[in-house]
Amino acid sequence: MTKMELSSISIKQFKQQMSDQATCYRDDILISNHVEHLEPFRHPCRIFATLVLFCLDGELEFSINLKRYHITSNMMVVAFAGDIIQIHRVEVLEAYAVLLSSDYLNDLQIDFRQRSSFYIDAHNNAIVRIPHTELITIAPYYPLLKTNMEKNRAESPEILHGLIKAFSYTVISIMQVYQKNDDETNSDTVLRSQQLFDKFMALLKLYHTTERSVKFYADRLCLTPNYLSGVIKDYSGKSATEWINEYVILEAKIMLKNTDLSIQEIAYKLNFVTQSAFGKYFKLQTGMGPKFYRNGKNDNEEK
């Protein structure tokens, strides 16, 4: 197969490829219990939706942002819009997936990142094992959603909206409880730090392929670089520079492994002045040059 560009996919495109294996509401919600038929994920693919997947039985191996996970029964997975996903192996899987478009979540005022601690933990570890008793409480959402979506109550969607809200906040609650996060206070300082972190991450997703200086993001937020770096470090455990480097290196790794772009073209896409500058940056962050990484094995990524 020729690998020219990393593919991206929206719920609308999923609908076209999975018409017989999924239930959809407009271009906003897609649910399926045929995870083994999520063909777009057979190769690395950037998803333009929030994905929640529950594994009831069987095994699944897949990657989120090049980090490889082995998923078994009683596990939940959360991936965010913009994440890069690939399915590697499926064995006798009983699971269901729910995909929600960002526009739809915004319309319902649901923000999976509203608790930044949830986003940080899901970013670092996208899976969580939950007790079977907890799984039983959330499993009924799937048939309820499916029934309401199949009846196509477009003229009266309040029930469906209510179900999605309840489902979403249940997922957030489960993730927070079973990742054993420390409780945060609701002090003004914490809330301001949370808001600043959210704004920084939103800008980073938009500009990481062209902007790598903390000053750029600080200027956009009308802050000094030192102040921004200090708040981000205190709140997330990583400095602003570390977050920037992580996003840039992820983008570079994806293009090196999954496209036919030359290293020079990748350097250009990531706004490096020269291929040599990109090579030095990549080696500083990863310990190896981009050519060495490209020629290495795919299974060397962190598991």
Protein backbone atom coordinates (compact mmCIF):
# COMPACT_ATOMS: atom_id res chain seq x y z
CA MET A 1 0.00 0.00 0.00
CA THR A 2 1.26 3.46 -0.85
CA LYS A 3 1.41 5.69 2.22
CA MET A 4 1.22 9.30 1.14
CA GLU A 5 -0.54 11.19 3.92
CA LEU A 6 -1.91 10.34 7.35
CA SER A 7 -5.65 9.85 6.94
CA SER A 8 -8.29 11.60 9.02
CA ILE A 9 -11.86 10.53 9.59
CA SER A 10 -15.07 12.10 10.86
CA ILE A 11 -18.33 10.49 11.94
CA LYS A 12 -19.79 11.33 8.52
CA GLN A 13 -17.03 9.30 6.86
CA PHE A 14 -17.49 6.48 9.35
CA LYS A 15 -21.16 6.34 8.39
CA GLN A 16 -20.27 5.83 4.75
CA GLN A 17 -17.86 3.00 5.51
CA MET A 18 -19.85 1.23 8.25
CA SER A 19 -23.44 1.61 7.11
CA ASP A 20 -24.36 -1.97 8.09
CA GLN A 21 -22.38 -2.20 11.32
CA ALA A 22 -23.24 1.06 13.06
CA THR A 23 -26.17 3.18 14.22
CA CYS A 24 -25.94 6.92 13.68
CA TYR A 25 -27.67 10.16 14.59
CA ARG A 26 -27.00 12.80 11.95
CA ASP A 27 -23.23 13.31 11.68
CA ASP A 28 -22.95 13.69 15.44
CA ILE A 29 -23.23 10.27 17.09
CA LEU A 30 -22.11 6.83 15.97
CA ILE A 31 -22.40 3.66 18.06
CA SER A 32 -21.35 0.15 17.11
CA ASN A 33 -20.86 -3.22 18.75
CA HIS A 34 -18.81 -4.36 15.73
CA VAL A 35 -15.50 -2.90 16.81
CA GLU A 36 -13.71 -5.53 14.73
CA HIS A 37 -15.20 -3.80 11.66
CA LEU A 38 -13.75 -0.36 12.41
CA GLU A 39 -11.76 -0.67 9.19
CA PRO A 40 -10.50 2.94 9.09
CA PHE A 41 -8.43 2.15 12.19
CA ARG A 42 -6.51 -0.70 10.52
CA HIS A 43 -3.97 1.97 9.68
CA PRO A 44 -3.08 5.05 11.77
CA CYS A 45 -5.91 7.52 11.48
CA ARG A 46 -6.64 10.87 13.11
CA ILE A 47 -10.15 10.90 14.50
CA PHE A 48 -12.36 13.99 14.57
CA ALA A 49 -14.58 12.85 17.44
CA THR A 50 -14.39 11.74 21.05
CA LEU A 51 -14.28 7.94 21.27
CA VAL A 52 -15.39 5.86 24.27
CA LEU A 53 -14.96 2.10 24.02
CA PHE A 54 -15.99 -0.58 26.50
CA CYS A 55 -14.61 -4.12 26.30
CA LEU A 56 -16.94 -6.71 27.78
CA ASP A 57 -15.02 -9.79 26.66
CA GLY A 58 -12.15 -10.78 24.37
CA GLU A 59 -8.94 -8.93 23.56
CA LEU A 60 -8.01 -5.88 21.56
CA GLU A 61 -4.62 -4.34 20.84
CA PHE A 62 -4.51 -0.81 19.55
CA SER A 63 -2.53 2.38 19.73
CA ILE A 64 -3.51 5.90 20.69
CA ASN A 65 -0.93 8.49 19.66
CA LEU A 66 1.59 5.68 19.09
CA LYS A 67 1.20 4.36 22.66
CA ARG A 68 0.18 0.71 22.43
CA TYR A 69 -2.49 -0.77 24.72
CA HIS A 70 -3.67 -4.32 25.40
CA ILE A 71 -7.35 -4.22 26.26
CA THR A 72 -9.27 -7.07 27.85
CA SER A 73 -12.65 -7.52 29.55
CA ASN A 74 -13.88 -4.85 31.98
CA MET A 75 -11.76 -2.11 30.44
CA MET A 76 -12.77 1.33 29.18
CA VAL A 77 -10.88 3.42 26.64
CA VAL A 78 -11.21 7.16 26.00
CA ALA A 79 -9.67 8.99 23.03
CA PHE A 80 -10.15 12.65 22.17
CA ALA A 81 -10.74 14.49 18.92
CA GLY A 82 -7.39 14.88 17.19
CA ASP A 83 -5.93 11.67 18.60
CA ILE A 84 -4.34 9.16 16.23
CA ILE A 85 -5.68 5.62 16.53
CA GLN A 86 -4.71 2.26 15.07
CA ILE A 87 -6.13 -1.22 15.70
CA HIS A 88 -3.45 -3.93 15.62
CA ARG A 89 -5.26 -7.10 16.68
CA VAL A 90 -8.77 -8.23 17.61
CA GLU A 91 -9.65 -11.61 19.15
CA VAL A 92 -13.24 -12.77 19.76
CA LEU A 93 -14.25 -9.31 20.86
CA GLU A 94 -17.44 -8.31 22.62
CA ALA A 95 -17.28 -4.55 22.89
CA TYR A 96 -19.06 -1.39 21.93
CA ALA A 97 -17.88 2.00 20.85
CA VAL A 98 -19.52 5.42 21.09
CA LEU A 99 -18.24 8.30 18.93
CA LEU A 100 -19.40 11.86 19.60
CA SER A 101 -18.62 14.85 17.40
CA SER A 102 -17.05 17.92 18.98
CA ASP A 103 -19.79 20.19 17.61
CA TYR A 104 -22.48 18.01 19.20
CA LEU A 105 -20.70 17.92 22.57
CA ASN A 106 -20.30 21.69 22.43
CA ASP A 107 -24.00 22.15 21.64
CA LEU A 108 -24.86 20.08 24.72
CA GLN A 109 -22.23 21.93 26.76
CA ILE A 110 -20.42 18.70 27.51
CA ASP A 111 -16.68 19.03 27.81
CA PHE A 112 -14.69 15.85 28.46
CA ARG A 113 -11.83 18.17 29.34
CA GLN A 114 -13.86 20.25 31.79
CA ARG A 115 -11.87 18.57 34.56
CA SER A 116 -8.35 18.99 33.32
CA SER A 117 -7.15 16.25 35.65
CA PHE A 118 -9.36 13.89 33.64
CA TYR A 119 -7.74 15.02 30.39
CA ILE A 120 -4.22 14.76 31.79
CA ASP A 121 -4.80 11.24 33.12
CA ALA A 122 -6.55 10.06 29.95
CA HIS A 123 -3.76 11.56 27.86
CA ASN A 124 -1.14 9.69 29.89
CA ASN A 125 -3.10 6.45 30.09
CA ALA A 126 -6.18 6.13 27.89
CA ILE A 127 -7.44 2.89 29.45
CA VAL A 128 -8.87 2.08 32.85
CA ARG A 129 -9.99 -1.23 34.32
CA ILE A 130 -13.33 -0.98 36.08
CA PRO A 131 -15.16 -3.47 38.30
CA HIS A 132 -17.76 -5.64 36.61
CA THR A 133 -20.41 -4.13 38.89
CA GLU A 134 -19.57 -0.69 37.50
CA LEU A 135 -19.65 -2.01 33.95
CA ILE A 136 -23.14 -3.35 34.53
CA THR A 137 -24.35 0.14 35.44
CA ILE A 138 -23.07 1.73 32.22
CA ALA A 139 -23.73 -1.15 29.77
CA PRO A 140 -27.49 -0.37 29.45
CA TYR A 141 -26.68 2.96 27.80
CA TYR A 142 -25.82 1.18 24.57
CA PRO A 143 -29.25 -0.42 23.89
CA LEU A 144 -30.98 2.75 25.09
CA LEU A 145 -28.97 4.89 22.69
CA LYS A 146 -29.42 2.40 19.87
CA THR A 147 -33.20 2.27 20.32
CA ASN A 148 -33.59 6.03 20.37
CA MET A 149 -31.29 6.54 17.39
CA GLU A 150 -33.04 3.87 15.33
CA LYS A 151 -36.40 5.51 15.95
CA ASN A 152 -34.84 8.64 14.45
CA ARG A 153 -36.61 11.06 16.74
CA ALA A 154 -35.08 14.06 15.01
CA GLU A 155 -38.18 16.11 15.66
CA SER A 156 -37.92 15.45 19.42
CA PRO A 157 -34.32 14.66 20.30
CA GLU A 158 -34.48 15.62 23.99
CA ILE A 159 -34.42 11.99 25.17
CA LEU A 160 -31.32 11.24 23.12
CA HIS A 161 -29.62 14.42 24.31
CA GLY A 162 -30.39 13.48 27.89
CA LEU A 163 -28.96 10.00 27.43
CA ILE A 164 -25.76 11.35 25.91
CA LYS A 165 -25.36 13.80 28.79
CA ALA A 166 -25.87 11.07 31.38
CA PHE A 167 -23.54 8.71 29.52
CA SER A 168 -20.81 11.33 29.16
CA TYR A 169 -20.78 12.38 32.80
CA THR A 170 -20.86 8.74 33.89
CA VAL A 171 -17.75 8.09 31.78
CA ILE A 172 -15.96 11.11 33.28
CA SER A 173 -16.90 10.00 36.79
CA ILE A 174 -15.69 6.42 36.23
CA MET A 175 -12.41 7.57 34.74
CA GLN A 176 -11.74 9.89 37.64
CA VAL A 177 -12.62 7.34 40.32
CA TYR A 178 -10.74 4.35 38.94
CA GLN A 179 -7.64 6.19 37.89
CA LYS A 180 -7.42 7.05 41.58
CA ASN A 181 -6.87 10.74 41.10
CA ASP A 182 -6.23 12.86 44.14
CA ASP A 183 -9.14 15.18 44.84
CA GLU A 184 -8.57 18.77 43.85
CA THR A 185 -9.83 21.75 45.74
CA ASN A 186 -12.08 24.20 43.97
CA SER A 187 -9.99 27.18 45.01
CA ASP A 188 -9.79 30.16 42.70
CA THR A 189 -6.12 29.36 42.06
CA VAL A 190 -6.89 25.80 40.94
CA LEU A 191 -9.76 26.95 38.74
CA ARG A 192 -7.59 29.60 37.09
CA SER A 193 -4.83 27.06 36.51
CA GLN A 194 -7.33 24.64 35.01
CA GLN A 195 -8.72 27.28 32.66
CA LEU A 196 -5.22 28.32 31.59
CA PHE A 197 -4.18 24.73 30.96
CA ASP A 198 -7.28 24.15 28.82
CA LYS A 199 -6.58 27.27 26.75
CA PHE A 200 -2.93 26.32 26.31
CA MET A 201 -3.79 22.80 25.16
CA ALA A 202 -6.38 24.13 22.69
CA LEU A 203 -3.77 26.44 21.18
CA LEU A 204 -1.20 23.65 21.13
CA LYS A 205 -3.49 21.40 19.12
CA LEU A 206 -3.95 24.20 16.59
CA TYR A 207 -0.38 25.42 16.24
CA HIS A 208 2.04 22.66 17.25
CA THR A 209 3.00 21.93 13.64
CA THR A 210 4.20 25.50 13.13
CA GLU A 211 5.01 27.00 16.54
CA ARG A 212 7.40 25.53 19.12
CA SER A 213 8.26 28.47 21.36
CA VAL A 214 6.62 29.00 24.73
CA LYS A 215 6.66 32.74 23.94
CA PHE A 216 4.24 32.25 21.04
CA TYR A 217 1.64 30.57 23.29
CA ALA A 218 2.27 33.02 26.13
CA ASP A 219 1.72 35.94 23.76
CA ARG A 220 -1.55 34.45 22.54
CA LEU A 221 -2.66 34.19 26.17
CA CYS A 222 -1.32 37.67 27.09
CA LEU A 223 1.08 36.19 29.65
CA THR A 224 4.83 36.07 30.15
CA PRO A 225 6.57 32.82 29.12
CA ASN A 226 7.85 32.26 32.66
CA TYR A 227 4.42 32.63 34.19
CA LEU A 228 2.80 30.30 31.65
CA SER A 229 5.51 27.68 32.10
CA GLY A 230 5.21 27.82 35.88
CA VAL A 231 1.44 27.39 35.94
CA ILE A 232 1.44 24.57 33.39
CA LYS A 233 4.21 22.74 35.27
CA ASP A 234 2.53 23.10 38.64
CA TYR A 235 -0.86 22.02 37.32
CA SER A 236 0.00 19.16 34.94
CA GLY A 237 3.40 17.94 36.10
CA LYS A 238 4.89 18.79 32.70
CA SER A 239 6.29 22.11 31.56
CA ALA A 240 4.87 23.97 28.57
CA THR A 241 8.02 23.09 26.63
CA GLU A 242 7.55 19.39 27.41
CA TRP A 243 3.95 19.48 26.17
CA ILE A 244 5.03 21.28 22.98
CA ASN A 245 7.84 18.81 22.32
CA GLU A 246 5.55 15.85 22.96
CA TYR A 247 3.03 17.05 20.38
CA VAL A 248 5.67 17.89 17.76
CA ILE A 249 7.48 14.56 18.15
CA LEU A 250 4.22 12.63 17.97
CA GLU A 251 3.36 14.38 14.70
CA ALA A 252 6.85 13.67 13.35
CA LYS A 253 6.75 9.99 14.34
CA ILE A 254 3.37 9.51 12.69
CA MET A 255 4.60 11.02 9.42
CA LEU A 256 7.88 9.07 9.52
CA LYS A 257 6.18 5.72 10.06
CA ASN A 258 2.98 6.11 8.08
CA THR A 259 3.62 8.33 5.08
CA ASP A 260 5.98 8.36 2.12
CA LEU A 261 6.96 11.95 2.78
CA SER A 262 10.70 12.50 2.71
CA ILE A 263 12.43 13.65 5.88
CA GLN A 264 12.97 17.01 4.21
CA GLU A 265 9.23 17.29 3.45
CA ILE A 266 8.38 16.37 7.04
CA ALA A 267 10.81 19.01 8.29
CA TYR A 268 9.06 21.56 6.05
CA LYS A 269 5.59 20.53 7.26
CA LEU A 270 6.72 20.98 10.86
CA ASN A 271 8.18 24.41 10.09
CA PHE A 272 11.86 23.61 10.58
CA VAL A 273 14.26 25.82 8.63
CA THR A 274 16.32 22.87 7.40
CA GLN A 275 16.25 19.08 7.44
CA SER A 276 19.36 19.21 9.61
CA ALA A 277 17.60 21.35 12.23
CA PHE A 278 14.71 18.90 12.31
CA GLY A 279 17.11 15.96 12.64
CA LYS A 280 18.91 17.54 15.60
CA TYR A 281 15.61 18.38 17.31
CA PHE A 282 14.24 14.87 16.77
CA LYS A 283 17.41 13.22 18.08
CA LEU A 284 17.50 15.49 21.12
CA GLN A 285 13.94 14.47 22.04
CA THR A 286 14.09 10.76 21.17
CA GLY A 287 17.74 9.75 21.31
CA MET A 288 17.77 8.71 17.65
CA GLY A 289 17.73 10.37 14.26
CA PRO A 290 14.56 10.46 12.12
CA LYS A 291 16.05 8.09 9.51
CA PHE A 292 16.96 5.53 12.17
CA TYR A 293 13.46 5.81 13.66
CA ARG A 294 11.79 5.42 10.26
CA ASN A 295 13.74 2.24 9.52
CA GLY A 296 13.09 0.73 12.95
CA LYS A 297 10.26 -1.62 13.93
CA ASN A 298 6.78 -0.33 14.68
CA ASP A 299 6.51 -2.36 17.86
CA ASN A 300 9.23 -0.42 19.63
CA GLU A 301 6.77 2.18 20.83
CA GLU A 302 5.87 2.38 24.51
CA LYS A 303 3.32 -0.19 25.59
